[in-house]
C-alpha atoms as a PDB file:
ATOM      1  CA  MET A   1      33.085   4.648  28.754  1.00  0.00           C
ATOM      2  CA  ASN A   2      33.507   8.174  27.650  1.00  0.00           C
ATOM      3  CA  GLU A   3      30.435  10.028  26.482  1.00  0.00           C
ATOM      4  CA  VAL A   4      30.704  11.438  23.073  1.00  0.00           C
ATOM      5  CA  ALA A   5      29.224  14.685  21.873  1.00  0.00           C
ATOM      6  CA  VAL A   6      28.910  16.475  18.319  1.00  0.00           C
ATOM      7  CA  VAL A   7      30.631  19.843  18.400  1.00  0.00           C
ATOM      8  CA  GLY A   8      30.660  21.076  14.819  1.00  0.00           C
ATOM      9  CA  PHE A   9      29.109  20.430  11.492  1.00  0.00           C
ATOM     10  CA  THR A  10      29.359  21.912   7.927  1.00  0.00           C
ATOM     11  CA  GLN A  11      28.403  20.645   4.479  1.00  0.00           C
ATOM     12  CA  ALA A  12      29.073  21.999   0.835  1.00  0.00           C
ATOM     13  CA  PRO A  13      26.105  23.253  -0.943  1.00  0.00           C
ATOM     14  CA  ASN A  14      24.114  20.206  -2.744  1.00  0.00           C
ATOM     15  CA  VAL A  15      24.692  20.718  -6.489  1.00  0.00           C
ATOM     16  CA  ARG A  16      23.844  18.732  -9.525  1.00  0.00           C
ATOM     17  CA  ARG A  17      27.504  18.936 -11.004  1.00  0.00           C
ATOM     18  CA  THR A  18      30.614  20.163  -9.734  1.00  0.00           C
ATOM     19  CA  GLU A  19      34.344  20.641 -11.738  1.00  0.00           C
ATOM     20  CA  GLY A  20      37.587  19.043 -10.787  1.00  0.00           C
ATOM     21  CA  THR A  21      38.719  15.817  -9.535  1.00  0.00           C
ATOM     22  CA  THR A  22      36.281  12.812  -8.452  1.00  0.00           C
ATOM     23  CA  ASN A  23      38.032  12.731  -4.806  1.00  0.00           C
ATOM     24  CA  GLY A  24      36.164  15.524  -3.388  1.00  0.00           C
ATOM     25  CA  VAL A  25      39.200  17.935  -2.474  1.00  0.00           C
ATOM     26  CA  GLU A  26      37.675  21.013  -3.914  1.00  0.00           C
ATOM     27  CA  MET A  27      34.419  20.420  -2.042  1.00  0.00           C
ATOM     28  CA  LEU A  28      36.382  19.498   1.315  1.00  0.00           C
ATOM     29  CA  VAL A  29      38.902  22.144   1.634  1.00  0.00           C
ATOM     30  CA  PRO A  30      36.534  24.933   2.415  1.00  0.00           C
ATOM     31  CA  ILE A  31      34.204  23.189   4.748  1.00  0.00           C
ATOM     32  CA  LEU A  32      37.326  21.543   6.765  1.00  0.00           C
ATOM     33  CA  ALA A  33      38.272  25.203   7.098  1.00  0.00           C
ATOM     34  CA  GLU A  34      34.882  26.222   8.129  1.00  0.00           C
ATOM     35  CA  ALA A  35      34.707  23.268  10.716  1.00  0.00           C
ATOM     36  CA  PHE A  36      38.030  24.295  12.218  1.00  0.00           C
ATOM     37  CA  GLU A  37      36.907  27.941  12.524  1.00  0.00           C
ATOM     38  CA  GLN A  38      33.541  26.778  14.162  1.00  0.00           C
ATOM     39  CA  THR A  39      34.964  24.862  16.778  1.00  0.00           C
ATOM     40  CA  GLY A  40      38.419  26.656  17.336  1.00  0.00           C
ATOM     41  CA  LEU A  41      40.361  23.425  16.610  1.00  0.00           C
ATOM     42  CA  SER A  42      43.161  22.980  14.287  1.00  0.00           C
ATOM     43  CA  LYS A  43      44.453  19.767  12.568  1.00  0.00           C
ATOM     44  CA  GLU A  44      46.944  19.121  15.035  1.00  0.00           C
ATOM     45  CA  ASP A  45      44.119  18.990  17.587  1.00  0.00           C
ATOM     46  CA  ILE A  46      42.207  16.073  15.894  1.00  0.00           C
ATOM     47  CA  GLY A  47      42.774  12.741  17.353  1.00  0.00           C
ATOM     48  CA  PHE A  48      41.197  10.627  14.690  1.00  0.00           C
ATOM     49  CA  TRP A  49      40.161  11.122  11.000  1.00  0.00           C
ATOM     50  CA  CYS A  50      37.455   8.875   9.479  1.00  0.00           C
ATOM     51  CA  SER A  51      35.825   9.332   5.940  1.00  0.00           C
ATOM     52  CA  GLY A  52      33.252   7.753   4.070  1.00  0.00           C
ATOM     53  CA  SER A  53      32.915   7.551   0.125  1.00  0.00           C
ATOM     54  CA  SER A  54      33.008   5.018  -2.486  1.00  0.00           C
ATOM     55  CA  ASP A  55      35.857   4.128  -5.142  1.00  0.00           C
ATOM     56  CA  TYR A  56      33.005   2.557  -7.398  1.00  0.00           C
ATOM     57  CA  LEU A  57      31.239   6.034  -7.414  1.00  0.00           C
ATOM     58  CA  ALA A  58      34.579   7.842  -8.138  1.00  0.00           C
ATOM     59  CA  GLY A  59      35.838   5.505 -10.893  1.00  0.00           C
ATOM     60  CA  ARG A  60      39.437   5.081  -9.349  1.00  0.00           C
ATOM     61  CA  ALA A  61      41.102   2.970  -6.913  1.00  0.00           C
ATOM     62  CA  PHE A  62      41.702   4.377  -3.371  1.00  0.00           C
ATOM     63  CA  SER A  63      40.197   7.558  -4.025  1.00  0.00           C
ATOM     64  CA  PHE A  64      39.776   8.300  -0.269  1.00  0.00           C
ATOM     65  CA  ILE A  65      43.488   8.332  -0.154  1.00  0.00           C
ATOM     66  CA  SER A  66      43.615  11.299  -2.649  1.00  0.00           C
ATOM     67  CA  ALA A  67      41.035  13.078  -0.620  1.00  0.00           C
ATOM     68  CA  VAL A  68      43.372  13.262   2.114  1.00  0.00           C
ATOM     69  CA  ASP A  69      45.073  15.955  -0.010  1.00  0.00           C
ATOM     70  CA  ALA A  70      42.440  18.165   1.579  1.00  0.00           C
ATOM     71  CA  ILE A  71      43.602  17.563   5.029  1.00  0.00           C
ATOM     72  CA  GLY A  72      47.281  18.008   4.096  1.00  0.00           C
ATOM     73  CA  ALA A  73      50.326  15.651   4.108  1.00  0.00           C
ATOM     74  CA  PHE A  74      51.778  17.187   7.580  1.00  0.00           C
ATOM     75  CA  PRO A  75      51.647  16.675  10.382  1.00  0.00           C
ATOM     76  CA  PRO A  76      50.915  12.709  10.004  1.00  0.00           C
ATOM     77  CA  ILE A  77      47.506  11.805  10.983  1.00  0.00           C
ATOM     78  CA  HIS A  78      45.626   8.620  12.528  1.00  0.00           C
ATOM     79  CA  GLU A  79      43.203   8.023   9.585  1.00  0.00           C
ATOM     80  CA  SER A  80      40.672   5.342   8.575  1.00  0.00           C
ATOM     81  CA  HIS A  81      37.843   4.939   5.946  1.00  0.00           C
ATOM     82  CA  VAL A  82      34.604   3.117   5.315  1.00  0.00           C
ATOM     83  CA  GLU A  83      33.360   2.248   1.902  1.00  0.00           C
ATOM     84  CA  MET A  84      29.986   3.575   2.736  1.00  0.00           C
ATOM     85  CA  ASP A  85      27.956   6.615   4.079  1.00  0.00           C
ATOM     86  CA  ALA A  86      30.054   8.567   6.514  1.00  0.00           C
ATOM     87  CA  ALA A  87      27.393   7.868   9.110  1.00  0.00           C
ATOM     88  CA  TRP A  88      29.199   4.705   9.566  1.00  0.00           C
ATOM     89  CA  ALA A  89      32.632   6.481   9.697  1.00  0.00           C
ATOM     90  CA  LEU A  90      31.119   8.397  12.491  1.00  0.00           C
ATOM     91  CA  TYR A  91      30.346   5.267  14.236  1.00  0.00           C
ATOM     92  CA  GLU A  92      33.930   4.091  13.910  1.00  0.00           C
ATOM     93  CA  ALA A  93      35.078   7.651  15.172  1.00  0.00           C
ATOM     94  CA  TRP A  94      32.528   7.257  18.071  1.00  0.00           C
ATOM     95  CA  LEU A  95      33.942   4.209  19.378  1.00  0.00           C
ATOM     96  CA  LYS A  96      37.564   5.412  19.283  1.00  0.00           C
ATOM     97  CA  ILE A  97      36.288   8.347  21.747  1.00  0.00           C
ATOM     98  CA  ARG A  98      34.114   5.874  23.728  1.00  0.00           C
ATOM     99  CA  THR A  99      37.147   3.701  24.557  1.00  0.00           C
ATOM    100  CA  GLY A 100      39.549   6.598  25.491  1.00  0.00           C
ATOM    101  CA  GLU A 101      42.019   5.965  22.562  1.00  0.00           C
ATOM    102  CA  VAL A 102      41.258   9.662  21.344  1.00  0.00           C
ATOM    103  CA  ASP A 103      39.203  12.803  22.715  1.00  0.00           C
ATOM    104  CA  THR A 104      38.695  14.328  19.463  1.00  0.00           C
ATOM    105  CA  ALA A 105      37.635  13.017  15.967  1.00  0.00           C
ATOM    106  CA  LEU A 106      36.635  14.370  12.423  1.00  0.00           C
ATOM    107  CA  ILE A 107      34.317  12.636  10.349  1.00  0.00           C
ATOM    108  CA  TYR A 108      34.010  13.748   6.438  1.00  0.00           C
ATOM    109  CA  GLY A 109      32.041  12.177   3.724  1.00  0.00           C
ATOM    110  CA  PHE A 110      31.823  13.044  -0.167  1.00  0.00           C
ATOM    111  CA  GLY A 111      30.350  11.914  -3.173  1.00  0.00           C
ATOM    112  CA  LYS A 112      30.489  13.173  -6.774  1.00  0.00           C
ATOM    113  CA  SER A 113      27.534  11.528  -8.521  1.00  0.00           C
ATOM    114  CA  SER A 114      28.043  13.684 -11.593  1.00  0.00           C
ATOM    115  CA  ALA A 115      31.352  11.715 -12.247  1.00  0.00           C
ATOM    116  CA  GLY A 116      29.588   8.484 -13.366  1.00  0.00           C
ATOM    117  CA  GLN A 117      26.372   6.779 -14.103  1.00  0.00           C
ATOM    118  CA  LEU A 118      24.809   6.514 -10.629  1.00  0.00           C
ATOM    119  CA  ARG A 119      21.902   4.446 -11.123  1.00  0.00           C
ATOM    120  CA  ARG A 120      24.324   1.919 -12.976  1.00  0.00           C
ATOM    121  CA  VAL A 121      26.869   2.025 -10.100  1.00  0.00           C
ATOM    122  CA  LEU A 122      24.300   1.424  -7.293  1.00  0.00           C
ATOM    123  CA  SER A 123      23.224  -1.872  -8.981  1.00  0.00           C
ATOM    124  CA  LEU A 124      26.764  -3.209  -8.214  1.00  0.00           C
ATOM    125  CA  GLN A 125      25.540  -3.570  -4.677  1.00  0.00           C
ATOM    126  CA  LEU A 126      22.789  -6.119  -5.181  1.00  0.00           C
ATOM    127  CA  ASP A 127      22.987  -9.866  -5.383  1.00  0.00           C
ATOM    128  CA  PRO A 128      25.601 -10.427  -7.915  1.00  0.00           C
ATOM    129  CA  TYR A 129      23.998 -13.863  -9.136  1.00  0.00           C
ATOM    130  CA  LEU A 130      20.336 -13.174  -9.481  1.00  0.00           C
ATOM    131  CA  VAL A 131      19.743  -9.603  -9.372  1.00  0.00           C
ATOM    132  CA  ALA A 132      22.560  -7.390 -10.411  1.00  0.00           C
ATOM    133  CA  PRO A 133      22.833  -9.216 -13.936  1.00  0.00           C
ATOM    134  CA  LEU A 134      19.460  -7.640 -14.577  1.00  0.00           C
ATOM    135  CA  TRP A 135      20.733  -4.007 -13.629  1.00  0.00           C
ATOM    136  CA  PRO A 136      17.803  -3.031 -11.738  1.00  0.00           C
ATOM    137  CA  ASP A 137      18.498   0.430 -10.269  1.00  0.00           C
ATOM    138  CA  SER A 138      17.795   1.996  -6.892  1.00  0.00           C
ATOM    139  CA  ILE A 139      14.741   3.983  -8.477  1.00  0.00           C
ATOM    140  CA  SER A 140      13.341   0.898 -10.019  1.00  0.00           C
ATOM    141  CA  ILE A 141      13.515  -1.092  -6.809  1.00  0.00           C
ATOM    142  CA  ALA A 142      12.050   1.820  -4.920  1.00  0.00           C
ATOM    143  CA  GLY A 143       9.350   1.879  -7.304  1.00  0.00           C
ATOM    144  CA  ILE A 144       8.505  -1.662  -6.595  1.00  0.00           C
ATOM    145  CA  GLN A 145       8.523  -0.787  -2.938  1.00  0.00           C
ATOM    146  CA  ALA A 146       6.134   2.257  -3.180  1.00  0.00           C
ATOM    147  CA  ARG A 147       3.792   0.133  -5.397  1.00  0.00           C
ATOM    148  CA  LEU A 148       3.471  -2.592  -2.962  1.00  0.00           C
ATOM    149  CA  GLY A 149       2.663  -0.157   0.005  1.00  0.00           C
ATOM    150  CA  ILE A 150       0.125   1.678  -2.375  1.00  0.00           C
ATOM    151  CA  ASP A 151      -1.475  -1.606  -3.109  1.00  0.00           C
ATOM    152  CA  ARG A 152      -1.829  -2.582   0.615  1.00  0.00           C
ATOM    153  CA  GLY A 153      -3.117   0.789   1.442  1.00  0.00           C
ATOM    154  CA  LEU A 154      -0.266   1.977   3.383  1.00  0.00           C
ATOM    155  CA  TRP A 155       0.050   5.095   1.771  1.00  0.00           C
ATOM    156  CA  SER A 156      -1.055   6.900  -1.370  1.00  0.00           C
ATOM    157  CA  GLU A 157       0.454   9.123  -4.115  1.00  0.00           C
ATOM    158  CA  LYS A 158      -1.373  12.201  -2.365  1.00  0.00           C
ATOM    159  CA  GLU A 159       0.493  11.633   0.822  1.00  0.00           C
ATOM    160  CA  MET A 160       3.649  11.310  -1.131  1.00  0.00           C
ATOM    161  CA  ALA A 161       3.413  14.457  -2.842  1.00  0.00           C
ATOM    162  CA  GLU A 162       2.591  16.075   0.523  1.00  0.00           C
ATOM    163  CA  ILE A 163       5.819  14.873   2.001  1.00  0.00           C
ATOM    164  CA  ALA A 164       7.796  16.223  -1.244  1.00  0.00           C
ATOM    165  CA  ALA A 165       5.841  19.750  -0.705  1.00  0.00           C
ATOM    166  CA  ARG A 166       6.694  20.158   2.858  1.00  0.00           C
ATOM    167  CA  SER A 167      10.361  18.835   2.267  1.00  0.00           C
ATOM    168  CA  ARG A 168      10.692  21.794  -0.476  1.00  0.00           C
ATOM    169  CA  ALA A 169       9.038  24.354   1.738  1.00  0.00           C
ATOM    170  CA  ASP A 170      11.163  23.547   4.737  1.00  0.00           C
ATOM    171  CA  ALA A 171      14.458  23.629   2.705  1.00  0.00           C
ATOM    172  CA  ILE A 172      13.801  27.566   1.924  1.00  0.00           C
ATOM    173  CA  GLY A 173      16.800  29.268   3.648  1.00  0.00           C
ATOM    174  CA  ASN A 174      19.036  26.131   3.735  1.00  0.00           C
ATOM    175  CA  PRO A 175      22.145  27.051   2.038  1.00  0.00           C
ATOM    176  CA  ALA A 176      23.000  23.535   1.198  1.00  0.00           C
ATOM    177  CA  ALA A 177      19.591  22.644  -0.456  1.00  0.00           C
ATOM    178  CA  GLN A 178      19.846  21.801  -4.117  1.00  0.00           C
ATOM    179  CA  ILE A 179      15.772  22.224  -4.426  1.00  0.00           C
ATOM    180  CA  SER A 180      13.364  24.421  -2.448  1.00  0.00           C
ATOM    181  CA  GLY A 181      10.618  26.482  -2.894  1.00  0.00           C
ATOM    182  CA  ARG A 182       6.655  26.297  -2.078  1.00  0.00           C
ATOM    183  CA  VAL A 183       4.605  24.205  -4.338  1.00  0.00           C
ATOM    184  CA  GLU A 184       0.981  22.506  -3.892  1.00  0.00           C
ATOM    185  CA  PRO A 185       0.867  18.796  -3.537  1.00  0.00           C
ATOM    186  CA  GLY A 186      -1.898  18.891  -6.405  1.00  0.00           C
ATOM    187  CA  ASP A 187       0.527  20.559  -8.743  1.00  0.00           C
ATOM    188  CA  LEU A 188       3.171  17.529  -8.088  1.00  0.00           C
ATOM    189  CA  LEU A 189       0.532  15.048  -8.876  1.00  0.00           C
ATOM    190  CA  ASP A 190      -0.043  16.602 -12.319  1.00  0.00           C
ATOM    191  CA  ALA A 191       3.483  15.785 -13.302  1.00  0.00           C
ATOM    192  CA  PRO A 192       4.237  12.669 -15.236  1.00  0.00           C
ATOM    193  CA  MET A 193       5.413   9.254 -13.845  1.00  0.00           C
ATOM    194  CA  PHE A 194       9.065   8.680 -13.794  1.00  0.00           C
ATOM    195  CA  ALA A 195       9.078   5.152 -12.466  1.00  0.00           C
ATOM    196  CA  ASP A 196       5.507   4.140 -11.924  1.00  0.00           C
ATOM    197  CA  PRO A 197       4.199   5.041  -9.219  1.00  0.00           C
ATOM    198  CA  LEU A 198       7.112   7.656  -8.768  1.00  0.00           C
ATOM    199  CA  ARG A 199       7.261  10.912 -10.023  1.00  0.00           C
ATOM    200  CA  ALA A 200      10.297  13.248 -10.056  1.00  0.00           C
ATOM    201  CA  HIS A 201       9.350  14.797  -6.725  1.00  0.00           C
ATOM    202  CA  ASP A 202       9.284  11.297  -4.978  1.00  0.00           C
ATOM    203  CA  ILE A 203      13.009  10.874  -5.837  1.00  0.00           C
ATOM    204  CA  ALA A 204      15.977  12.413  -4.235  1.00  0.00           C
ATOM    205  CA  PRO A 205      17.953  14.652  -6.536  1.00  0.00           C
ATOM    206  CA  ILE A 206      21.262  13.431  -8.098  1.00  0.00           C
ATOM    207  CA  THR A 207      23.624  15.481  -6.066  1.00  0.00           C
ATOM    208  CA  ASP A 208      27.383  16.316  -5.765  1.00  0.00           C
ATOM    209  CA  GLY A 209      28.179  17.274  -2.115  1.00  0.00           C
ATOM    210  CA  ALA A 210      30.380  16.734   1.086  1.00  0.00           C
ATOM    211  CA  ALA A 211      29.861  17.149   4.946  1.00  0.00           C
ATOM    212  CA  VAL A 212      32.237  17.610   7.900  1.00  0.00           C
ATOM    213  CA  LEU A 213      31.333  16.724  11.306  1.00  0.00           C
ATOM    214  CA  VAL A 214      33.489  17.060  14.638  1.00  0.00           C
ATOM    215  CA  LEU A 215      33.261  14.765  17.641  1.00  0.00           C
ATOM    216  CA  ALA A 216      34.568  15.162  21.095  1.00  0.00           C
ATOM    217  CA  SER A 217      34.507  13.344  24.394  1.00  0.00           C
ATOM    218  CA  ALA A 218      31.790  15.093  26.592  1.00  0.00           C
ATOM    219  CA  ASP A 219      34.670  16.610  29.029  1.00  0.00           C
ATOM    220  CA  ARG A 220      36.445  18.183  25.839  1.00  0.00           C
ATOM    221  CA  ALA A 221      33.191  18.939  24.208  1.00  0.00           C
ATOM    222  CA  ARG A 222      32.329  21.624  27.046  1.00  0.00           C
ATOM    223  CA  GLU A 223      35.413  23.417  26.288  1.00  0.00           C
ATOM    224  CA  LEU A 224      34.538  23.802  22.488  1.00  0.00           C
ATOM    225  CA  THR A 225      30.764  24.853  22.723  1.00  0.00           C
ATOM    226  CA  ASP A 226      28.157  25.935  25.121  1.00  0.00           C
ATOM    227  CA  HIS A 227      25.587  23.282  23.979  1.00  0.00           C
ATOM    228  CA  PRO A 228      27.234  20.038  23.038  1.00  0.00           C
ATOM    229  CA  ALA A 229      25.030  17.497  21.412  1.00  0.00           C
ATOM    230  CA  ILE A 230      25.739  14.404  23.397  1.00  0.00           C
ATOM    231  CA  ILE A 231      25.224  11.019  21.482  1.00  0.00           C
ATOM    232  CA  THR A 232      23.125   9.044  24.050  1.00  0.00           C
ATOM    233  CA  GLY A 233      22.085   6.160  21.536  1.00  0.00           C
ATOM    234  CA  LEU A 234      24.013   4.857  18.500  1.00  0.00           C
ATOM    235  CA  GLU A 235      22.983   1.697  16.692  1.00  0.00           C
ATOM    236  CA  HIS A 236      22.815   0.114  13.356  1.00  0.00           C
ATOM    237  CA  ARG A 237      20.857  -2.838  12.080  1.00  0.00           C
ATOM    238  CA  VAL A 238      20.950  -4.765   8.632  1.00  0.00           C
ATOM    239  CA  ASP A 239      18.063  -6.446   6.673  1.00  0.00           C
ATOM    240  CA  SER A 240      18.503  -9.060   4.217  1.00  0.00           C
ATOM    241  CA  PRO A 241      20.021  -8.192   0.858  1.00  0.00           C
ATOM    242  CA  VAL A 242      17.866 -10.661  -0.810  1.00  0.00           C
ATOM    243  CA  LEU A 243      14.853  -8.406  -1.924  1.00  0.00           C
ATOM    244  CA  GLY A 244      12.390 -11.097  -2.056  1.00  0.00           C
ATOM    245  CA  ALA A 245      13.314 -12.470   1.321  1.00  0.00           C
ATOM    246  CA  ARG A 246      11.746  -9.327   3.352  1.00  0.00           C
ATOM    247  CA  ASP A 247       8.727  -7.120   3.428  1.00  0.00           C
ATOM    248  CA  LEU A 248       9.709  -4.165   1.674  1.00  0.00           C
ATOM    249  CA  THR A 249       6.924  -2.124   2.880  1.00  0.00           C
ATOM    250  CA  GLY A 250       8.474  -2.296   6.525  1.00  0.00           C
ATOM    251  CA  SER A 251      11.926  -1.702   8.014  1.00  0.00           C
ATOM    252  CA  PRO A 252      12.692  -4.346  10.798  1.00  0.00           C
ATOM    253  CA  SER A 253      16.275  -3.102  11.087  1.00  0.00           C
ATOM    254  CA  ALA A 254      15.323   0.523  11.450  1.00  0.00           C
ATOM    255  CA  GLU A 255      12.909  -0.564  14.144  1.00  0.00           C
ATOM    256  CA  ALA A 256      15.335  -2.533  16.184  1.00  0.00           C
ATOM    257  CA  ALA A 257      18.031   0.195  15.673  1.00  0.00           C
ATOM    258  CA  GLY A 258      15.621   2.708  17.082  1.00  0.00           C
ATOM    259  CA  ARG A 259      14.709   0.548  19.970  1.00  0.00           C
ATOM    260  CA  ALA A 260      18.342  -0.053  20.801  1.00  0.00           C
ATOM    261  CA  ALA A 261      19.111   3.641  20.661  1.00  0.00           C
ATOM    262  CA  ARG A 262      15.999   4.673  22.849  1.00  0.00           C
ATOM    263  CA  ALA A 263      14.505   6.798  20.383  1.00  0.00           C
ATOM    264  CA  ASP A 264      11.206   7.674  22.519  1.00  0.00           C
ATOM    265  CA  GLY A 265      10.563  11.159  23.433  1.00  0.00           C
ATOM    266  CA  VAL A 266      12.576  13.033  20.598  1.00  0.00           C
ATOM    267  CA  GLU A 267      11.374  16.489  19.274  1.00  0.00           C
ATOM    268  CA  LEU A 268      12.628  16.183  15.822  1.00  0.00           C
ATOM    269  CA  ALA A 269      13.981  13.608  13.444  1.00  0.00           C
ATOM    270  CA  GLU A 270      16.256  13.995  10.460  1.00  0.00           C
ATOM    271  CA  LEU A 271      15.606  10.948   8.319  1.00  0.00           C
ATOM    272  CA  HIS A 272      17.555   9.715   5.521  1.00  0.00           C
ATOM    273  CA  ALA A 273      14.813   8.927   3.402  1.00  0.00           C
ATOM    274  CA  PRO A 274      15.689   9.132  -0.481  1.00  0.00           C
ATOM    275  CA  PHE A 275      12.104   8.269  -1.491  1.00  0.00           C
ATOM    276  CA  THR A 276       8.856   9.982  -0.264  1.00  0.00           C
ATOM    277  CA  HIS A 277       7.257   6.733   0.863  1.00  0.00           C
ATOM    278  CA  GLN A 278      10.434   5.702   2.624  1.00  0.00           C
ATOM    279  CA  GLU A 279       9.789   8.525   5.211  1.00  0.00           C
ATOM    280  CA  ILE A 280       6.406   6.948   5.949  1.00  0.00           C
ATOM    281  CA  ILE A 281       8.181   3.306   6.463  1.00  0.00           C
ATOM    282  CA  LEU A 282      10.653   5.006   8.760  1.00  0.00           C
ATOM    283  CA  ARG A 283       8.149   6.938  10.835  1.00  0.00           C
ATOM    284  CA  THR A 284       6.408   3.796  11.197  1.00  0.00           C
ATOM    285  CA  ALA A 285       9.362   1.787  12.331  1.00  0.00           C
ATOM    286  CA  LEU A 286      10.747   4.438  14.637  1.00  0.00           C
ATOM    287  CA  GLY A 287       7.478   5.095  16.155  1.00  0.00           C
ATOM    288  CA  LEU A 288       7.592   8.807  15.413  1.00  0.00           C
ATOM    289  CA  GLY A 289       4.086  10.436  16.228  1.00  0.00           C
ATOM    290  CA  ASP A 290       2.535  13.428  14.563  1.00  0.00           C
ATOM    291  CA  ASP A 291       4.209  15.674  17.082  1.00  0.00           C
ATOM    292  CA  VAL A 292       7.609  14.764  15.860  1.00  0.00           C
ATOM    293  CA  VAL A 293       9.021  17.524  13.332  1.00  0.00           C
ATOM    294  CA  ILE A 294      10.502  15.489  10.477  1.00  0.00           C
ATOM    295  CA  ASN A 295      13.525  16.928   8.436  1.00  0.00           C
ATOM    296  CA  PRO A 296      13.212  20.403   9.191  1.00  0.00           C
ATOM    297  CA  SER A 297      16.290  21.084   6.864  1.00  0.00           C
ATOM    298  CA  GLY A 298      14.179  19.802   3.969  1.00  0.00           C
ATOM    299  CA  GLY A 299      16.048  16.324   4.183  1.00  0.00           C
ATOM    300  CA  PRO A 300      17.428  14.367   1.210  1.00  0.00           C
ATOM    301  CA  LEU A 301      14.638  14.998  -1.019  1.00  0.00           C
ATOM    302  CA  THR A 302      15.996  18.680  -1.419  1.00  0.00           C
ATOM    303  CA  GLY A 303      19.723  17.516  -1.710  1.00  0.00           C
ATOM    304  CA  ASN A 304      21.073  13.856  -1.633  1.00  0.00           C
ATOM    305  CA  PRO A 305      24.989  13.760  -1.888  1.00  0.00           C
ATOM    306  CA  MET A 306      25.945  10.315  -1.899  1.00  0.00           C
ATOM    307  CA  PHE A 307      27.955   8.795   0.992  1.00  0.00           C
ATOM    308  CA  SER A 308      27.645  12.083   3.043  1.00  0.00           C
ATOM    309  CA  ALA A 309      23.732  12.535   3.085  1.00  0.00           C
ATOM    310  CA  GLY A 310      23.374  10.312   6.137  1.00  0.00           C
ATOM    311  CA  LEU A 311      26.200  12.117   8.006  1.00  0.00           C
ATOM    312  CA  ALA A 312      24.435  15.220   7.022  1.00  0.00           C
ATOM    313  CA  ARG A 313      21.350  14.108   8.785  1.00  0.00           C
ATOM    314  CA  ILE A 314      23.122  13.593  12.132  1.00  0.00           C
ATOM    315  CA  GLY A 315      24.962  17.035  11.634  1.00  0.00           C
ATOM    316  CA  GLU A 316      21.587  18.734  10.884  1.00  0.00           C
ATOM    317  CA  ALA A 317      19.883  17.224  13.774  1.00  0.00           C
ATOM    318  CA  ALA A 318      22.835  18.006  16.139  1.00  0.00           C
ATOM    319  CA  ASN A 319      22.844  21.522  14.808  1.00  0.00           C
ATOM    320  CA  ARG A 320      19.327  21.907  16.472  1.00  0.00           C
ATOM    321  CA  ILE A 321      21.158  21.339  19.865  1.00  0.00           C
ATOM    322  CA  LEU A 322      24.278  23.322  19.118  1.00  0.00           C
ATOM    323  CA  ARG A 323      21.908  26.261  18.561  1.00  0.00           C
ATOM    324  CA  GLY A 324      19.988  25.570  21.594  1.00  0.00           C
ATOM    325  CA  GLU A 325      16.908  25.128  19.621  1.00  0.00           C
ATOM    326  CA  ALA A 326      16.186  21.578  20.879  1.00  0.00           C
ATOM    327  CA  GLY A 327      16.777  19.142  23.664  1.00  0.00           C
ATOM    328  CA  LYS A 328      16.381  15.530  22.295  1.00  0.00           C
ATOM    329  CA  VAL A 329      16.813  14.683  18.602  1.00  0.00           C
ATOM    330  CA  LEU A 330      17.187  11.744  16.247  1.00  0.00           C
ATOM    331  CA  ALA A 331      19.054  11.026  13.202  1.00  0.00           C
ATOM    332  CA  HIS A 332      18.922   8.438  10.837  1.00  0.00           C
ATOM    333  CA  ALA A 333      21.195   6.950   8.088  1.00  0.00           C
ATOM    334  CA  THR A 334      20.586   4.362   5.321  1.00  0.00           C
ATOM    335  CA  SER A 335      22.379   2.298   2.927  1.00  0.00           C
ATOM    336  CA  GLY A 336      21.737  -0.440   0.579  1.00  0.00           C
ATOM    337  CA  PRO A 337      18.752  -1.185  -1.618  1.00  0.00           C
ATOM    338  CA  ALA A 338      15.100  -0.475  -0.224  1.00  0.00           C
ATOM    339  CA  LEU A 339      16.273   0.635   3.356  1.00  0.00           C
ATOM    340  CA  GLN A 340      18.428  -2.334   3.750  1.00  0.00           C
ATOM    341  CA  GLN A 341      20.782  -1.003   6.433  1.00  0.00           C
ATOM    342  CA  ASN A 342      19.725   1.516   8.926  1.00  0.00           C
ATOM    343  CA  LEU A 343      21.739   3.597  11.406  1.00  0.00           C
ATOM    344  CA  VAL A 344      20.036   5.627  14.338  1.00  0.00           C
ATOM    345  CA  ALA A 345      21.543   8.251  16.390  1.00  0.00           C
ATOM    346  CA  VAL A 346      19.855   9.981  19.523  1.00  0.00           C
ATOM    347  CA  LEU A 347      21.500  13.077  20.747  1.00  0.00           C
ATOM    348  CA  GLU A 348      20.612  15.035  23.713  1.00  0.00           C
ATOM    349  CA  GLY A 349      21.608  18.525  25.072  1.00  0.00           C
ATOM    350  CA  ARG A 350      22.548  19.004  28.586  1.00  0.00           C
ATOM    351  CA  ASP A 351      22.915  22.389  30.451  1.00  0.00           C
END
């Protein structure tokens, strides 16, 4: 089967609120143009298009069809969509190239969290009989998860604050970041609780944003970039959606996905951890040692656009190879409550 490589990645600035429609067109048009300029491709060169978004979040049916306006009605395209983070759209496009159906693909994801009540919308993904009627939001569930880990001695509020401080410092200079700057962990611990034991710095900000990533077969990729990021492993696994049926302080699905994707020996990892304590869970599940650089872009704690943050983790990791800065990297995306679903990609550079 064909090897597949990332050859381009762009993303919109992560911001609290954007004006205009809920279908992401205003965010997508400029970054699509940037992706074409970056790779030297045109719309006619793309064999397959796939997007990730949510009609629930947009508050309208078939919002992804409206987003196709960003591409243009002509020429006709071969297009698909997933109702989740665009990292899973990448999985679909990866399969198209692996099987030889196409040799190029463009993946885009977009989410406009400011269009509705995000915490209420995310409750709709929970068990509709026993949990969703209680309207627990993602932050409350993450708070339960964080408390379980603290009570078991698996992490502390100080360790969580250190992750937040490091993420903000690493985001300095990243034009896509919503939050950046240097801050001392001790100062963060003086802040009031938001959802005990979580403080504001423990929680990824509500963000509008979008991302675009371009894939190509390995042979075609070498025509488009000097340092293609070859996807050598790509796996996703799912844990039970029943919160009481699994140990929330671990992530068996992330561990299984990392093992299947052969995640050993990576130099850096971009982890889609929307809460500080979830980075600790993922580092343990994926076996990432202290020598692995975590979220050098700042990660989702500095900008977490719904339905494109996972794709952005893959793009940010791939960029390190595209720029010749790393040889083997890992990217992770999650979906569902408390790290229920996890996708792991391993990318390598080859001379």
